[in-house]
């Protein structure tokens, strides 16, 4: 049966939202601190990436969908 790669709330949602917040914040500060915060934001995405891999999905595709969803709506809008 084909896999369903729909984006649903749950595992990795908090990490993706934190990653988005930190990426956005890192763009507002200069120097090496920007790189450090960006690296931390990227590291948070390891959790949803691993969940995708464990489920047999294309992690890159799913993470791109998740980033797009988190860019559209925040957690308080039921996204």
C-alpha atoms as a PDB file:
ATOM      1  CA  UNK A   1       0.000   0.000   0.000  1.00  0.00           C
ATOM      2  CA  UNK A   2       1.276   3.526  -0.714  1.00  0.00           C
ATOM      3  CA  UNK A   3       2.565   5.529   2.208  1.00  0.00           C
ATOM      4  CA  UNK A   4       0.616   8.519   3.414  1.00  0.00           C
ATOM      5  CA  UNK A   5       2.979  11.473   3.847  1.00  0.00           C
ATOM      6  CA  UNK A   6       0.380  13.930   5.125  1.00  0.00           C
ATOM      7  CA  UNK A   7       1.641  16.467   7.628  1.00  0.00           C
ATOM      8  CA  UNK A   8      -0.013  15.997  11.008  1.00  0.00           C
ATOM      9  CA  UNK A   9       0.547  17.561  14.408  1.00  0.00           C
ATOM     10  CA  UNK A  10       2.588  15.460  16.759  1.00  0.00           C
ATOM     11  CA  UNK A  11       6.126  14.159  16.870  1.00  0.00           C
ATOM     12  CA  UNK A  12       8.605  16.847  15.941  1.00  0.00           C
ATOM     13  CA  UNK A  13       6.086  19.725  15.824  1.00  0.00           C
ATOM     14  CA  UNK A  14       7.583  21.543  18.800  1.00  0.00           C
ATOM     15  CA  UNK A  15      11.102  21.092  17.473  1.00  0.00           C
ATOM     16  CA  UNK A  16      10.109  22.445  14.046  1.00  0.00           C
ATOM     17  CA  UNK A  17       8.443  25.498  15.599  1.00  0.00           C
ATOM     18  CA  UNK A  18      11.448  26.175  17.827  1.00  0.00           C
ATOM     19  CA  UNK A  19      13.738  25.763  14.847  1.00  0.00           C
ATOM     20  CA  UNK A  20      11.707  28.302  12.860  1.00  0.00           C
ATOM     21  CA  UNK A  21      11.713  30.758  15.767  1.00  0.00           C
ATOM     22  CA  UNK A  22      15.478  30.452  16.235  1.00  0.00           C
ATOM     23  CA  UNK A  23      16.188  30.789  12.508  1.00  0.00           C
ATOM     24  CA  UNK A  24      14.079  33.942  12.373  1.00  0.00           C
ATOM     25  CA  UNK A  25      15.755  35.306  15.498  1.00  0.00           C
ATOM     26  CA  UNK A  26      19.250  34.503  14.220  1.00  0.00           C
ATOM     27  CA  UNK A  27      18.644  36.777  11.229  1.00  0.00           C
ATOM     28  CA  UNK A  28      18.253  39.739  13.579  1.00  0.00           C
ATOM     29  CA  UNK A  29      21.675  39.496  15.239  1.00  0.00           C
ATOM     30  CA  UNK A  30      25.178  39.971  13.821  1.00  0.00           C
ATOM     31  CA  UNK A  31      28.361  37.943  13.927  1.00  0.00           C
ATOM     32  CA  UNK A  32      29.160  34.499  15.195  1.00  0.00           C
ATOM     33  CA  UNK A  33      26.127  34.397  17.462  1.00  0.00           C
ATOM     34  CA  UNK A  34      23.963  34.299  14.332  1.00  0.00           C
ATOM     35  CA  UNK A  35      25.813  31.178  13.154  1.00  0.00           C
ATOM     36  CA  UNK A  36      25.568  29.486  16.550  1.00  0.00           C
ATOM     37  CA  UNK A  37      21.830  30.062  16.853  1.00  0.00           C
ATOM     38  CA  UNK A  38      21.319  28.927  13.261  1.00  0.00           C
ATOM     39  CA  UNK A  39      23.258  25.734  13.967  1.00  0.00           C
ATOM     40  CA  UNK A  40      21.135  25.057  17.041  1.00  0.00           C
ATOM     41  CA  UNK A  41      17.989  25.622  14.968  1.00  0.00           C
ATOM     42  CA  UNK A  42      19.219  23.106  12.411  1.00  0.00           C
ATOM     43  CA  UNK A  43      20.075  20.598  15.146  1.00  0.00           C
ATOM     44  CA  UNK A  44      16.490  20.706  16.444  1.00  0.00           C
ATOM     45  CA  UNK A  45      15.346  19.346  13.081  1.00  0.00           C
ATOM     46  CA  UNK A  46      17.237  16.103  13.723  1.00  0.00           C
ATOM     47  CA  UNK A  47      14.291  14.822  15.779  1.00  0.00           C
ATOM     48  CA  UNK A  48      11.582  15.108  13.086  1.00  0.00           C
ATOM     49  CA  UNK A  49      14.122  13.972  10.464  1.00  0.00           C
ATOM     50  CA  UNK A  50      14.801  10.793  12.430  1.00  0.00           C
ATOM     51  CA  UNK A  51      11.070  10.184  12.887  1.00  0.00           C
ATOM     52  CA  UNK A  52      10.642  10.450   9.093  1.00  0.00           C
ATOM     53  CA  UNK A  53      13.520   8.069   8.475  1.00  0.00           C
ATOM     54  CA  UNK A  54      12.140   5.583  11.003  1.00  0.00           C
ATOM     55  CA  UNK A  55       8.742   5.676   9.288  1.00  0.00           C
ATOM     56  CA  UNK A  56      10.334   5.079   5.880  1.00  0.00           C
ATOM     57  CA  UNK A  57       9.506   8.497   4.454  1.00  0.00           C
ATOM     58  CA  UNK A  58      11.662  10.869   2.430  1.00  0.00           C
ATOM     59  CA  UNK A  59      12.815  13.094   5.296  1.00  0.00           C
ATOM     60  CA  UNK A  60      13.869  15.986   3.065  1.00  0.00           C
ATOM     61  CA  UNK A  61      10.460  16.125   1.402  1.00  0.00           C
ATOM     62  CA  UNK A  62       8.582  15.916   4.693  1.00  0.00           C
ATOM     63  CA  UNK A  63      10.745  18.536   6.423  1.00  0.00           C
ATOM     64  CA  UNK A  64      10.191  20.924   3.525  1.00  0.00           C
ATOM     65  CA  UNK A  65       6.429  20.429   3.928  1.00  0.00           C
ATOM     66  CA  UNK A  66       6.706  20.974   7.669  1.00  0.00           C
ATOM     67  CA  UNK A  67       8.721  24.176   7.213  1.00  0.00           C
ATOM     68  CA  UNK A  68       6.107  25.465   4.772  1.00  0.00           C
ATOM     69  CA  UNK A  69       3.263  24.671   7.199  1.00  0.00           C
ATOM     70  CA  UNK A  70       5.059  26.347  10.099  1.00  0.00           C
ATOM     71  CA  UNK A  71       5.680  29.410   7.925  1.00  0.00           C
ATOM     72  CA  UNK A  72       1.958  29.656   7.092  1.00  0.00           C
ATOM     73  CA  UNK A  73       0.438  29.295  10.540  1.00  0.00           C
ATOM     74  CA  UNK A  74       1.749  29.323  14.078  1.00  0.00           C
ATOM     75  CA  UNK A  75       0.913  26.798  16.776  1.00  0.00           C
ATOM     76  CA  UNK A  76      -1.861  28.990  18.202  1.00  0.00           C
ATOM     77  CA  UNK A  77      -3.745  28.891  14.882  1.00  0.00           C
ATOM     78  CA  UNK A  78      -4.084  25.127  14.983  1.00  0.00           C
ATOM     79  CA  UNK A  79      -1.521  24.569  12.241  1.00  0.00           C
END
